[in-house]
Amino acid sequence: MSEVMKYKKLQVCNKAIELVVHVYALIKKFPREEQFALGDQLRRALISVPSNIAEGMGRVSTKDRAHFVEIAYGSLMEVNCQLEIAMKLGYISIEELSAENKECEEIARMLSGLRASLLSTLDS
C-alpha cells in the first residue's frame, strides 16, 4: 500500500468504517419521517469520523493531522449523542445502543491515543 493511502492501515479508521456500516443498518429501522431528520444528521456525523481520519493522515503537518483527529473525535461524540436520542425516541433498543456505545468508546480511546501519539512527536 502506498504512503498516500496510509489511513487504510490505521485500525481506528477501519473500526470507524465498521461503525458506519453498523449504524446505517440501524438507521434503516427509523420511521420514515426520521430518515430525513435525525437519520441524515446521524449519517453526516458518522461519515465524518473516518473521513476526517483519512483527511488528517493525508496532511503533511503533524499538527494538522492531530487537528483532524480531534474533529473525528468530536463527530464521534455527536454520533454517540444522536444514538442516545434515537433510543429515547424508541427507534433503537437499549441493547443496540449499548453495542454501539461500546464501539464508540473503543474508537474514542483509539482516537485519543492517535492524537497523543501525534502530539508527542511535536514535543520531541
PDB file of N, CA and C in Angstrom:
ATOM      1  N   MET A   1       0.856  -1.183   0.000  1.00  0.00           N
ATOM      2  CA  MET A   1       0.000   0.000   0.000  1.00  0.00           C
ATOM      3  C   MET A   1       0.899   1.242   0.000  1.00  0.00           C
ATOM      4  N   SER A   2       0.524   2.178  -0.781  1.00  0.00           N
ATOM      5  CA  SER A   2       1.349   3.374  -0.917  1.00  0.00           C
ATOM      6  C   SER A   2       1.275   4.240   0.329  1.00  0.00           C
ATOM      7  N   GLU A   3       2.247   5.096   0.462  1.00  0.00           N
ATOM      8  CA  GLU A   3       2.292   6.062   1.561  1.00  0.00           C
ATOM      9  C   GLU A   3       1.082   6.985   1.506  1.00  0.00           C
ATOM     10  N   VAL A   4       0.552   7.199   0.317  1.00  0.00           N
ATOM     11  CA  VAL A   4      -0.583   8.094   0.123  1.00  0.00           C
ATOM     12  C   VAL A   4      -1.833   7.566   0.849  1.00  0.00           C
ATOM     13  N   MET A   5      -2.000   6.270   0.885  1.00  0.00           N
ATOM     14  CA  MET A   5      -3.203   5.681   1.480  1.00  0.00           C
ATOM     15  C   MET A   5      -2.942   5.128   2.881  1.00  0.00           C
ATOM     16  N   LYS A   6      -2.064   5.757   3.639  1.00  0.00           N
ATOM     17  CA  LYS A   6      -1.681   5.227   4.947  1.00  0.00           C
ATOM     18  C   LYS A   6      -2.832   5.179   5.952  1.00  0.00           C
ATOM     19  N   TYR A   7      -3.856   5.969   5.755  1.00  0.00           N
ATOM     20  CA  TYR A   7      -5.007   5.925   6.673  1.00  0.00           C
ATOM     21  C   TYR A   7      -5.642   4.541   6.681  1.00  0.00           C
ATOM     22  N   LYS A   8      -5.549   3.812   5.559  1.00  0.00           N
ATOM     23  CA  LYS A   8      -6.145   2.472   5.473  1.00  0.00           C
ATOM     24  C   LYS A   8      -5.467   1.479   6.397  1.00  0.00           C
ATOM     25  N   LYS A   9      -4.241   1.782   6.801  1.00  0.00           N
ATOM     26  CA  LYS A   9      -3.505   0.907   7.714  1.00  0.00           C
ATOM     27  C   LYS A   9      -3.894   1.140   9.170  1.00  0.00           C
ATOM     28  N   LEU A  10      -4.577   2.238   9.435  1.00  0.00           N
ATOM     29  CA  LEU A  10      -4.941   2.576  10.812  1.00  0.00           C
ATOM     30  C   LEU A  10      -6.165   1.774  11.252  1.00  0.00           C
ATOM     31  N   GLN A  11      -5.991   1.009  12.316  1.00  0.00           N
ATOM     32  CA  GLN A  11      -7.102   0.212  12.836  1.00  0.00           C
ATOM     33  C   GLN A  11      -8.276   1.106  13.234  1.00  0.00           C
ATOM     34  N   VAL A  12      -8.001   2.291  13.755  1.00  0.00           N
ATOM     35  CA  VAL A  12      -9.072   3.192  14.177  1.00  0.00           C
ATOM     36  C   VAL A  12      -9.933   3.617  12.990  1.00  0.00           C
ATOM     37  N   CYS A  13      -9.323   3.812  11.840  1.00  0.00           N
ATOM     38  CA  CYS A  13     -10.099   4.180  10.653  1.00  0.00           C
ATOM     39  C   CYS A  13     -10.986   3.012  10.216  1.00  0.00           C
ATOM     40  N   ASN A  14     -10.431   1.815  10.242  1.00  0.00           N
ATOM     41  CA  ASN A  14     -11.213   0.631   9.867  1.00  0.00           C
ATOM     42  C   ASN A  14     -12.364   0.395  10.843  1.00  0.00           C
ATOM     43  N   LYS A  15     -12.108   0.613  12.142  1.00  0.00           N
ATOM     44  CA  LYS A  15     -13.182   0.480  13.145  1.00  0.00           C
ATOM     45  C   LYS A  15     -14.264   1.536  12.915  1.00  0.00           C
ATOM     46  N   ALA A  16     -13.861   2.751  12.549  1.00  0.00           N
ATOM     47  CA  ALA A  16     -14.829   3.814  12.289  1.00  0.00           C
ATOM     48  C   ALA A  16     -15.691   3.471  11.077  1.00  0.00           C
ATOM     49  N   ILE A  17     -15.093   2.859  10.070  1.00  0.00           N
ATOM     50  CA  ILE A  17     -15.869   2.441   8.895  1.00  0.00           C
ATOM     51  C   ILE A  17     -16.852   1.336   9.279  1.00  0.00           C
ATOM     52  N   GLU A  18     -16.435   0.418  10.132  1.00  0.00           N
ATOM     53  CA  GLU A  18     -17.349  -0.632  10.622  1.00  0.00           C
ATOM     54  C   GLU A  18     -18.524  -0.003  11.376  1.00  0.00           C
ATOM     55  N   LEU A  19     -18.238   1.026  12.170  1.00  0.00           N
ATOM     56  CA  LEU A  19     -19.303   1.720  12.899  1.00  0.00           C
ATOM     57  C   LEU A  19     -20.303   2.314  11.921  1.00  0.00           C
ATOM     58  N   VAL A  20     -19.824   2.905  10.843  1.00  0.00           N
ATOM     59  CA  VAL A  20     -20.710   3.468   9.824  1.00  0.00           C
ATOM     60  C   VAL A  20     -21.651   2.387   9.312  1.00  0.00           C
ATOM     61  N   VAL A  21     -21.111   1.240   8.975  1.00  0.00           N
ATOM     62  CA  VAL A  21     -21.919   0.146   8.428  1.00  0.00           C
ATOM     63  C   VAL A  21     -22.969  -0.312   9.445  1.00  0.00           C
ATOM     64  N   HIS A  22     -22.551  -0.485  10.702  1.00  0.00           N
ATOM     65  CA  HIS A  22     -23.493  -0.951  11.733  1.00  0.00           C
ATOM     66  C   HIS A  22     -24.619   0.049  11.982  1.00  0.00           C
ATOM     67  N   VAL A  23     -24.255   1.314  12.078  1.00  0.00           N
ATOM     68  CA  VAL A  23     -25.275   2.323  12.399  1.00  0.00           C
ATOM     69  C   VAL A  23     -26.175   2.590  11.192  1.00  0.00           C
ATOM     70  N   TYR A  24     -25.649   2.504   9.972  1.00  0.00           N
ATOM     71  CA  TYR A  24     -26.512   2.644   8.801  1.00  0.00           C
ATOM     72  C   TYR A  24     -27.619   1.593   8.833  1.00  0.00           C
ATOM     73  N   ALA A  25     -27.290   0.395   9.273  1.00  0.00           N
ATOM     74  CA  ALA A  25     -28.306  -0.667   9.381  1.00  0.00           C
ATOM     75  C   ALA A  25     -29.371  -0.288  10.401  1.00  0.00           C
ATOM     76  N   LEU A  26     -28.964   0.357  11.488  1.00  0.00           N
ATOM     77  CA  LEU A  26     -29.937   0.796  12.496  1.00  0.00           C
ATOM     78  C   LEU A  26     -30.815   1.922  11.958  1.00  0.00           C
ATOM     79  N   ILE A  27     -30.224   2.836  11.210  1.00  0.00           N
ATOM     80  CA  ILE A  27     -30.978   3.971  10.675  1.00  0.00           C
ATOM     81  C   ILE A  27     -32.111   3.489   9.757  1.00  0.00           C
ATOM     82  N   LYS A  28     -31.893   2.385   9.075  1.00  0.00           N
ATOM     83  CA  LYS A  28     -32.932   1.842   8.192  1.00  0.00           C
ATOM     84  C   LYS A  28     -34.201   1.482   8.955  1.00  0.00           C
ATOM     85  N   LYS A  29     -34.081   1.280  10.266  1.00  0.00           N
ATOM     86  CA  LYS A  29     -35.245   0.941  11.099  1.00  0.00           C
ATOM     87  C   LYS A  29     -36.011   2.176  11.569  1.00  0.00           C
ATOM     88  N   PHE A  30     -35.424   3.350  11.408  1.00  0.00           N
ATOM     89  CA  PHE A  30     -36.079   4.575  11.863  1.00  0.00           C
ATOM     90  C   PHE A  30     -37.391   4.772  11.101  1.00  0.00           C
ATOM     91  N   PRO A  31     -38.361   5.445  11.725  1.00  0.00           N
ATOM     92  CA  PRO A  31     -39.588   5.797  10.994  1.00  0.00           C
ATOM     93  C   PRO A  31     -39.248   6.647   9.777  1.00  0.00           C
ATOM     94  N   ARG A  32     -40.068   6.577   8.784  1.00  0.00           N
ATOM     95  CA  ARG A  32     -39.814   7.269   7.515  1.00  0.00           C
ATOM     96  C   ARG A  32     -39.476   8.749   7.711  1.00  0.00           C
ATOM     97  N   GLU A  33     -40.247   9.433   8.565  1.00  0.00           N
ATOM     98  CA  GLU A  33     -40.007  10.871   8.752  1.00  0.00           C
ATOM     99  C   GLU A  33     -38.640  11.143   9.384  1.00  0.00           C
ATOM    100  N   GLU A  34     -38.113  10.190  10.127  1.00  0.00           N
ATOM    101  CA  GLU A  34     -36.804  10.373  10.750  1.00  0.00           C
ATOM    102  C   GLU A  34     -35.654   9.981   9.830  1.00  0.00           C
ATOM    103  N   GLN A  35     -35.946   9.339   8.719  1.00  0.00           N
ATOM    104  CA  GLN A  35     -34.902   9.018   7.752  1.00  0.00           C
ATOM    105  C   GLN A  35     -34.254  10.307   7.240  1.00  0.00           C
ATOM    106  N   PHE A  36     -35.018  11.386   7.225  1.00  0.00           N
ATOM    107  CA  PHE A  36     -34.545  12.645   6.657  1.00  0.00           C
ATOM    108  C   PHE A  36     -34.268  13.707   7.712  1.00  0.00           C
ATOM    109  N   ALA A  37     -34.431  13.378   8.967  1.00  0.00           N
ATOM    110  CA  ALA A  37     -34.146  14.342  10.033  1.00  0.00           C
ATOM    111  C   ALA A  37     -32.974  13.804  10.854  1.00  0.00           C
ATOM    112  N   LEU A  38     -33.288  13.091  11.916  1.00  0.00           N
ATOM    113  CA  LEU A  38     -32.238  12.527  12.761  1.00  0.00           C
ATOM    114  C   LEU A  38     -31.346  11.578  11.953  1.00  0.00           C
ATOM    115  N   GLY A  39     -31.933  10.829  11.048  1.00  0.00           N
ATOM    116  CA  GLY A  39     -31.160   9.895  10.221  1.00  0.00           C
ATOM    117  C   GLY A  39     -30.100  10.597   9.393  1.00  0.00           C
ATOM    118  N   ASP A  40     -30.462  11.700   8.753  1.00  0.00           N
ATOM    119  CA  ASP A  40     -29.488  12.455   7.946  1.00  0.00           C
ATOM    120  C   ASP A  40     -28.379  13.041   8.815  1.00  0.00           C
ATOM    121  N   GLN A  41     -28.756  13.594   9.943  1.00  0.00           N
ATOM    122  CA  GLN A  41     -27.766  14.188  10.848  1.00  0.00           C
ATOM    123  C   GLN A  41     -26.800  13.113  11.342  1.00  0.00           C
ATOM    124  N   LEU A  42     -27.340  11.965  11.670  1.00  0.00           N
ATOM    125  CA  LEU A  42     -26.522  10.849  12.146  1.00  0.00           C
ATOM    126  C   LEU A  42     -25.583  10.351  11.052  1.00  0.00           C
ATOM    127  N   ARG A  43     -26.094  10.249   9.836  1.00  0.00           N
ATOM    128  CA  ARG A  43     -25.247   9.815   8.713  1.00  0.00           C
ATOM    129  C   ARG A  43     -24.086  10.786   8.490  1.00  0.00           C
ATOM    130  N   ARG A  44     -24.370  12.082   8.545  1.00  0.00           N
ATOM    131  CA  ARG A  44     -23.309  13.081   8.339  1.00  0.00           C
ATOM    132  C   ARG A  44     -22.228  12.965   9.418  1.00  0.00           C
ATOM    133  N   ALA A  45     -22.647  12.834  10.668  1.00  0.00           N
ATOM    134  CA  ALA A  45     -21.679  12.707  11.762  1.00  0.00           C
ATOM    135  C   ALA A  45     -20.885  11.406  11.639  1.00  0.00           C
ATOM    136  N   LEU A  46     -21.569  10.329  11.292  1.00  0.00           N
ATOM    137  CA  LEU A  46     -20.907   9.031  11.128  1.00  0.00           C
ATOM    138  C   LEU A  46     -19.817   9.079  10.072  1.00  0.00           C
ATOM    139  N   ILE A  47     -20.173   9.591   8.910  1.00  0.00           N
ATOM    140  CA  ILE A  47     -19.235   9.648   7.790  1.00  0.00           C
ATOM    141  C   ILE A  47     -18.050  10.547   8.116  1.00  0.00           C
ATOM    142  N   SER A  48     -18.280  11.534   8.948  1.00  0.00           N
ATOM    143  CA  SER A  48     -17.232  12.474   9.316  1.00  0.00           C
ATOM    144  C   SER A  48     -16.086  11.808  10.085  1.00  0.00           C
ATOM    145  N   VAL A  49     -16.382  10.751  10.821  1.00  0.00           N
ATOM    146  CA  VAL A  49     -15.343  10.138  11.651  1.00  0.00           C
ATOM    147  C   VAL A  49     -14.226   9.543  10.783  1.00  0.00           C
ATOM    148  N   PRO A  50     -14.507   8.532   9.946  1.00  0.00           N
ATOM    149  CA  PRO A  50     -13.400   8.002   9.133  1.00  0.00           C
ATOM    150  C   PRO A  50     -12.901   8.998   8.091  1.00  0.00           C
ATOM    151  N   SER A  51     -13.780   9.860   7.609  1.00  0.00           N
ATOM    152  CA  SER A  51     -13.373  10.838   6.597  1.00  0.00           C
ATOM    153  C   SER A  51     -12.330  11.805   7.141  1.00  0.00           C
ATOM    154  N   ASN A  52     -12.520  12.263   8.371  1.00  0.00           N
ATOM    155  CA  ASN A  52     -11.551  13.183   8.965  1.00  0.00           C
ATOM    156  C   ASN A  52     -10.250  12.485   9.337  1.00  0.00           C
ATOM    157  N   ILE A  53     -10.331  11.222   9.707  1.00  0.00           N
ATOM    158  CA  ILE A  53      -9.099  10.464   9.951  1.00  0.00           C
ATOM    159  C   ILE A  53      -8.310  10.394   8.643  1.00  0.00           C
ATOM    160  N   ALA A  54      -8.993  10.033   7.564  1.00  0.00           N
ATOM    161  CA  ALA A  54      -8.333   9.921   6.257  1.00  0.00           C
ATOM    162  C   ALA A  54      -7.766  11.262   5.814  1.00  0.00           C
ATOM    163  N   GLU A  55      -8.556  12.324   5.945  1.00  0.00           N
ATOM    164  CA  GLU A  55      -8.072  13.635   5.530  1.00  0.00           C
ATOM    165  C   GLU A  55      -6.857  14.056   6.351  1.00  0.00           C
ATOM    166  N   GLY A  56      -6.932  13.825   7.654  1.00  0.00           N
ATOM    167  CA  GLY A  56      -5.812  14.185   8.513  1.00  0.00           C
ATOM    168  C   GLY A  56      -4.540  13.446   8.151  1.00  0.00           C
ATOM    169  N   MET A  57      -4.656  12.163   7.868  1.00  0.00           N
ATOM    170  CA  MET A  57      -3.475  11.385   7.533  1.00  0.00           C
ATOM    171  C   MET A  57      -2.908  11.782   6.170  1.00  0.00           C
ATOM    172  N   GLY A  58      -3.711  12.487   5.390  1.00  0.00           N
ATOM    173  CA  GLY A  58      -3.244  12.991   4.103  1.00  0.00           C
ATOM    174  C   GLY A  58      -2.522  14.323   4.214  1.00  0.00           C
ATOM    175  N   ARG A  59      -2.516  14.894   5.405  1.00  0.00           N
ATOM    176  CA  ARG A  59      -1.844  16.171   5.620  1.00  0.00           C
ATOM    177  C   ARG A  59      -0.364  15.954   5.894  1.00  0.00           C
ATOM    178  N   VAL A  60       0.435  16.914   5.517  1.00  0.00           N
ATOM    179  CA  VAL A  60       1.883  16.830   5.728  1.00  0.00           C
ATOM    180  C   VAL A  60       2.225  17.186   7.173  1.00  0.00           C
ATOM    181  N   SER A  61       1.560  18.182   7.690  1.00  0.00           N
ATOM    182  CA  SER A  61       1.846  18.684   9.033  1.00  0.00           C
ATOM    183  C   SER A  61       1.269  17.760  10.106  1.00  0.00           C
ATOM    184  N   THR A  62       2.101  17.419  11.070  1.00  0.00           N
ATOM    185  CA  THR A  62       1.647  16.598  12.196  1.00  0.00           C
ATOM    186  C   THR A  62       0.577  17.333  12.992  1.00  0.00           C
ATOM    187  N   LYS A  63       0.733  18.639  13.116  1.00  0.00           N
ATOM    188  CA  LYS A  63      -0.259  19.447  13.830  1.00  0.00           C
ATOM    189  C   LYS A  63      -1.612  19.369  13.120  1.00  0.00           C
ATOM    190  N   ASP A  64      -1.613  19.424  11.793  1.00  0.00           N
ATOM    191  CA  ASP A  64      -2.855  19.279  11.020  1.00  0.00           C
ATOM    192  C   ASP A  64      -3.448  17.895  11.213  1.00  0.00           C
ATOM    193  N   ARG A  65      -2.602  16.882  11.213  1.00  0.00           N
ATOM    194  CA  ARG A  65      -3.088  15.516  11.418  1.00  0.00           C
ATOM    195  C   ARG A  65      -3.815  15.405  12.746  1.00  0.00           C
ATOM    196  N   ALA A  66      -3.193  15.932  13.798  1.00  0.00           N
ATOM    197  CA  ALA A  66      -3.805  15.891  15.127  1.00  0.00           C
ATOM    198  C   ALA A  66      -5.127  16.661  15.140  1.00  0.00           C
ATOM    199  N   HIS A  67      -5.170  17.783  14.446  1.00  0.00           N
ATOM    200  CA  HIS A  67      -6.393  18.585  14.384  1.00  0.00           C
ATOM    201  C   HIS A  67      -7.544  17.783  13.754  1.00  0.00           C
ATOM    202  N   PHE A  68      -7.272  17.081  12.667  1.00  0.00           N
ATOM    203  CA  PHE A  68      -8.329  16.299  12.024  1.00  0.00           C
ATOM    204  C   PHE A  68      -8.757  15.115  12.884  1.00  0.00           C
ATOM    205  N   VAL A  69      -7.838  14.559  13.661  1.00  0.00           N
ATOM    206  CA  VAL A  69      -8.208  13.500  14.607  1.00  0.00           C
ATOM    207  C   VAL A  69      -9.152  14.077  15.662  1.00  0.00           C
ATOM    208  N   GLU A  70      -8.897  15.306  16.098  1.00  0.00           N
ATOM    209  CA  GLU A  70      -9.798  15.975  17.048  1.00  0.00           C
ATOM    210  C   GLU A  70     -11.190  16.162  16.446  1.00  0.00           C
ATOM    211  N   ILE A  71     -11.245  16.545  15.194  1.00  0.00           N
ATOM    212  CA  ILE A  71     -12.543  16.715  14.523  1.00  0.00           C
ATOM    213  C   ILE A  71     -13.273  15.376  14.455  1.00  0.00           C
ATOM    214  N   ALA A  72     -12.545  14.305  14.133  1.00  0.00           N
ATOM    215  CA  ALA A  72     -13.143  12.972  14.092  1.00  0.00           C
ATOM    216  C   ALA A  72     -13.700  12.602  15.463  1.00  0.00           C
ATOM    217  N   TYR A  73     -12.960  12.931  16.517  1.00  0.00           N
ATOM    218  CA  TYR A  73     -13.408  12.646  17.878  1.00  0.00           C
ATOM    219  C   TYR A  73     -14.708  13.403  18.185  1.00  0.00           C
ATOM    220  N   GLY A  74     -14.759  14.667  17.818  1.00  0.00           N
ATOM    221  CA  GLY A  74     -15.973  15.453  18.036  1.00  0.00           C
ATOM    222  C   GLY A  74     -17.164  14.872  17.295  1.00  0.00           C
ATOM    223  N   SER A  75     -16.949  14.432  16.074  1.00  0.00           N
ATOM    224  CA  SER A  75     -18.031  13.806  15.300  1.00  0.00           C
ATOM    225  C   SER A  75     -18.486  12.506  15.950  1.00  0.00           C
ATOM    226  N   LEU A  76     -17.540  11.764  16.512  1.00  0.00           N
ATOM    227  CA  LEU A  76     -17.891  10.521  17.207  1.00  0.00           C
ATOM    228  C   LEU A  76     -18.777  10.813  18.418  1.00  0.00           C
ATOM    229  N   MET A  77     -18.486  11.886  19.140  1.00  0.00           N
ATOM    230  CA  MET A  77     -19.318  12.264  20.286  1.00  0.00           C
ATOM    231  C   MET A  77     -20.723  12.651  19.821  1.00  0.00           C
ATOM    232  N   GLU A  78     -20.790  13.297  18.676  1.00  0.00           N
ATOM    233  CA  GLU A  78     -22.084  13.651  18.086  1.00  0.00           C
ATOM    234  C   GLU A  78     -22.876  12.383  17.758  1.00  0.00           C
ATOM    235  N   VAL A  79     -22.224  11.402  17.171  1.00  0.00           N
ATOM    236  CA  VAL A  79     -22.864  10.119  16.853  1.00  0.00           C
ATOM    237  C   VAL A  79     -23.402   9.484  18.130  1.00  0.00           C
ATOM    238  N   ASN A  80     -22.582   9.468  19.157  1.00  0.00           N
ATOM    239  CA  ASN A  80     -22.974   8.843  20.418  1.00  0.00           C
ATOM    240  C   ASN A  80     -24.219   9.518  21.002  1.00  0.00           C
ATOM    241  N   CYS A  81     -24.245  10.836  20.968  1.00  0.00           N
ATOM    242  CA  CYS A  81     -25.396  11.596  21.463  1.00  0.00           C
ATOM    243  C   CYS A  81     -26.651  11.308  20.636  1.00  0.00           C
ATOM    244  N   GLN A  82     -26.497  11.285  19.323  1.00  0.00           N
ATOM    245  CA  GLN A  82     -27.645  11.057  18.447  1.00  0.00           C
ATOM    246  C   GLN A  82     -28.201   9.644  18.590  1.00  0.00           C
ATOM    247  N   LEU A  83     -27.327   8.688  18.857  1.00  0.00           N
ATOM    248  CA  LEU A  83     -27.800   7.315  19.096  1.00  0.00           C
ATOM    249  C   LEU A  83     -28.615   7.252  20.389  1.00  0.00           C
ATOM    250  N   GLU A  84     -28.166   8.002  21.391  1.00  0.00           N
ATOM    251  CA  GLU A  84     -28.929   8.041  22.645  1.00  0.00           C
ATOM    252  C   GLU A  84     -30.309   8.662  22.410  1.00  0.00           C
ATOM    253  N   ILE A  85     -30.359   9.712  21.615  1.00  0.00           N
ATOM    254  CA  ILE A  85     -31.647  10.328  21.276  1.00  0.00           C
ATOM    255  C   ILE A  85     -32.531   9.321  20.545  1.00  0.00           C
ATOM    256  N   ALA A  86     -31.945   8.589  19.601  1.00  0.00           N
ATOM    257  CA  ALA A  86     -32.712   7.582  18.847  1.00  0.00           C
ATOM    258  C   ALA A  86     -33.289   6.518  19.783  1.00  0.00           C
ATOM    259  N   MET A  87     -32.525   6.122  20.791  1.00  0.00           N
ATOM    260  CA  MET A  87     -33.013   5.140  21.746  1.00  0.00           C
ATOM    261  C   MET A  87     -34.150   5.737  22.582  1.00  0.00           C
ATOM    262  N   LYS A  88     -33.980   6.972  23.046  1.00  0.00           N
ATOM    263  CA  LYS A  88     -35.021   7.600  23.867  1.00  0.00           C
ATOM    264  C   LYS A  88     -36.312   7.822  23.085  1.00  0.00           C
ATOM    265  N   LEU A  89     -36.178   7.977  21.760  1.00  0.00           N
ATOM    266  CA  LEU A  89     -37.368   8.130  20.919  1.00  0.00           C
ATOM    267  C   LEU A  89     -37.969   6.781  20.512  1.00  0.00           C
ATOM    268  N   GLY A  90     -37.306   5.704  20.908  1.00  0.00           N
ATOM    269  CA  GLY A  90     -37.815   4.368  20.628  1.00  0.00           C
ATOM    270  C   GLY A  90     -37.453   3.821  19.254  1.00  0.00           C
ATOM    271  N   TYR A  91     -36.460   4.430  18.597  1.00  0.00           N
ATOM    272  CA  TYR A  91     -36.073   3.986  17.255  1.00  0.00           C
ATOM    273  C   TYR A  91     -35.085   2.830  17.294  1.00  0.00           C
ATOM    274  N   ILE A  92     -34.287   2.757  18.369  1.00  0.00           N
ATOM    275  CA  ILE A  92     -33.387   1.625  18.566  1.00  0.00           C
ATOM    276  C   ILE A  92     -33.547   1.145  20.002  1.00  0.00           C
ATOM    277  N   SER A  93     -33.159  -0.086  20.248  1.00  0.00           N
ATOM    278  CA  SER A  93     -33.300  -0.663  21.589  1.00  0.00           C
ATOM    279  C   SER A  93     -32.120  -0.265  22.471  1.00  0.00           C
ATOM    280  N   ILE A  94     -32.288  -0.456  23.761  1.00  0.00           N
ATOM    281  CA  ILE A  94     -31.211  -0.189  24.703  1.00  0.00           C
ATOM    282  C   ILE A  94     -30.023  -1.103  24.411  1.00  0.00           C
ATOM    283  N   GLU A  95     -30.310  -2.328  23.969  1.00  0.00           N
ATOM    284  CA  GLU A  95     -29.245  -3.277  23.625  1.00  0.00           C
ATOM    285  C   GLU A  95     -28.456  -2.797  22.403  1.00  0.00           C
ATOM    286  N   GLU A  96     -29.172  -2.284  21.418  1.00  0.00           N
ATOM    287  CA  GLU A  96     -28.499  -1.744  20.227  1.00  0.00           C
ATOM    288  C   GLU A  96     -27.645  -0.534  20.598  1.00  0.00           C
ATOM    289  N   LEU A  97     -28.198   0.331  21.445  1.00  0.00           N
ATOM    290  CA  LEU A  97     -27.439   1.495  21.908  1.00  0.00           C
ATOM    291  C   LEU A  97     -26.191   1.051  22.655  1.00  0.00           C
ATOM    292  N   SER A  98     -26.337   0.075  23.532  1.00  0.00           N
ATOM    293  CA  SER A  98     -25.213  -0.413  24.316  1.00  0.00           C
ATOM    294  C   SER A  98     -24.103  -0.966  23.416  1.00  0.00           C
ATOM    295  N   ALA A  99     -24.488  -1.717  22.406  1.00  0.00           N
ATOM    296  CA  ALA A  99     -23.499  -2.289  21.480  1.00  0.00           C
ATOM    297  C   ALA A  99     -22.750  -1.187  20.735  1.00  0.00           C
ATOM    298  N   GLU A 100     -23.483  -0.187  20.275  1.00  0.00           N
ATOM    299  CA  GLU A 100     -22.842   0.909  19.537  1.00  0.00           C
ATOM    300  C   GLU A 100     -22.017   1.795  20.471  1.00  0.00           C
ATOM    301  N   ASN A 101     -22.487   1.951  21.720  1.00  0.00           N
ATOM    302  CA  ASN A 101     -21.698   2.719  22.696  1.00  0.00           C
ATOM    303  C   ASN A 101     -20.340   2.071  22.931  1.00  0.00           C
ATOM    304  N   LYS A 102     -20.321   0.737  22.982  1.00  0.00           N
ATOM    305  CA  LYS A 102     -19.050   0.027  23.163  1.00  0.00           C
ATOM    306  C   LYS A 102     -18.116   0.300  21.990  1.00  0.00           C
ATOM    307  N   GLU A 103     -18.663   0.278  20.788  1.00  0.00           N
ATOM    308  CA  GLU A 103     -17.848   0.586  19.605  1.00  0.00           C
ATOM    309  C   GLU A 103     -17.332   2.020  19.672  1.00  0.00           C
ATOM    310  N   CYS A 104     -18.226   2.948  20.032  1.00  0.00           N
ATOM    311  CA  CYS A 104     -17.832   4.356  20.120  1.00  0.00           C
ATOM    312  C   CYS A 104     -16.742   4.552  21.172  1.00  0.00           C
ATOM    313  N   GLU A 105     -16.869   3.891  22.306  1.00  0.00           N
ATOM    314  CA  GLU A 105     -15.863   4.019  23.368  1.00  0.00           C
ATOM    315  C   GLU A 105     -14.504   3.506  22.898  1.00  0.00           C
ATOM    316  N   GLU A 106     -14.508   2.371  22.197  1.00  0.00           N
ATOM    317  CA  GLU A 106     -13.251   1.827  21.696  1.00  0.00           C
ATOM    318  C   GLU A 106     -12.607   2.776  20.682  1.00  0.00           C
ATOM    319  N   ILE A 107     -13.413   3.290  19.773  1.00  0.00           N
ATOM    320  CA  ILE A 107     -12.901   4.230  18.771  1.00  0.00           C
ATOM    321  C   ILE A 107     -12.411   5.506  19.446  1.00  0.00           C
ATOM    322  N   ALA A 108     -13.129   5.988  20.444  1.00  0.00           N
ATOM    323  CA  ALA A 108     -12.715   7.196  21.172  1.00  0.00           C
ATOM    324  C   ALA A 108     -11.347   6.993  21.821  1.00  0.00           C
ATOM    325  N   ARG A 109     -11.148   5.836  22.456  1.00  0.00           N
ATOM    326  CA  ARG A 109      -9.840   5.555  23.067  1.00  0.00           C
ATOM    327  C   ARG A 109      -8.743   5.527  22.006  1.00  0.00           C
ATOM    328  N   MET A 110      -9.046   4.910  20.876  1.00  0.00           N
ATOM    329  CA  MET A 110      -8.057   4.814  19.801  1.00  0.00           C
ATOM    330  C   MET A 110      -7.731   6.201  19.227  1.00  0.00           C
ATOM    331  N   LEU A 111      -8.750   7.024  19.053  1.00  0.00           N
ATOM    332  CA  LEU A 111      -8.521   8.379  18.549  1.00  0.00           C
ATOM    333  C   LEU A 111      -7.687   9.195  19.537  1.00  0.00           C
ATOM    334  N   SER A 112      -7.993   9.053  20.815  1.00  0.00           N
ATOM    335  CA  SER A 112      -7.219   9.766  21.840  1.00  0.00           C
ATOM    336  C   SER A 112      -5.765   9.326  21.816  1.00  0.00           C
ATOM    337  N   GLY A 113      -5.548   8.025  21.655  1.00  0.00           N
ATOM    338  CA  GLY A 113      -4.184   7.509  21.586  1.00  0.00           C
ATOM    339  C   GLY A 113      -3.449   8.005  20.351  1.00  0.00           C
ATOM    340  N   LEU A 114      -4.145   8.021  19.224  1.00  0.00           N
ATOM    341  CA  LEU A 114      -3.544   8.501  17.981  1.00  0.00           C
ATOM    342  C   LEU A 114      -3.176   9.978  18.115  1.00  0.00           C
ATOM    343  N   ARG A 115      -4.076  10.761  18.670  1.00  0.00           N
ATOM    344  CA  ARG A 115      -3.813  12.200  18.842  1.00  0.00           C
ATOM    345  C   ARG A 115      -2.612  12.401  19.768  1.00  0.00           C
ATOM    346  N   ALA A 116      -2.581  11.678  20.891  1.00  0.00           N
ATOM    347  CA  ALA A 116      -1.471  11.798  21.826  1.00  0.00           C
ATOM    348  C   ALA A 116      -0.156  11.407  21.166  1.00  0.00           C
ATOM    349  N   SER A 117      -0.190  10.361  20.377  1.00  0.00           N
ATOM    350  CA  SER A 117       0.997   9.919  19.669  1.00  0.00           C
ATOM    351  C   SER A 117       1.492  10.988  18.682  1.00  0.00           C
ATOM    352  N   LEU A 118       0.557  11.567  17.950  1.00  0.00           N
ATOM    353  CA  LEU A 118       0.928  12.617  17.011  1.00  0.00           C
ATOM    354  C   LEU A 118       1.506  13.832  17.731  1.00  0.00           C
ATOM    355  N   LEU A 119       0.842  14.241  18.801  1.00  0.00           N
ATOM    356  CA  LEU A 119       1.301  15.424  19.530  1.00  0.00           C
ATOM    357  C   LEU A 119       2.638  15.186  20.224  1.00  0.00           C
ATOM    358  N   SER A 120       2.911  13.955  20.632  1.00  0.00           N
ATOM    359  CA  SER A 120       4.185  13.662  21.286  1.00  0.00           C
ATOM    360  C   SER A 120       5.354  13.856  20.339  1.00  0.00           C
ATOM    361  N   THR A 121       5.112  13.665  19.036  1.00  0.00           N
ATOM    362  CA  THR A 121       6.188  13.886  18.075  1.00  0.00           C
ATOM    363  C   THR A 121       6.481  15.378  17.919  1.00  0.00           C
ATOM    364  N   LEU A 122       5.495  16.210  18.237  1.00  0.00           N
ATOM    365  CA  LEU A 122       5.714  17.663  18.174  1.00  0.00           C
ATOM    366  C   LEU A 122       6.561  18.132  19.346  1.00  0.00           C
ATOM    367  N   ASP A 123       6.392  17.445  20.486  1.00  0.00           N
ATOM    368  CA  ASP A 123       7.122  17.835  21.689  1.00  0.00           C
ATOM    369  C   ASP A 123       8.580  17.364  21.677  1.00  0.00           C
ATOM    370  N   SER A 124       8.879  16.421  20.807  1.00  0.00           N
ATOM    371  CA  SER A 124      10.236  15.850  20.759  1.00  0.00           C
ATOM    372  C   SER A 124      11.219  16.774  20.100  1.00  0.00           C
TER     373      SER A 124
END
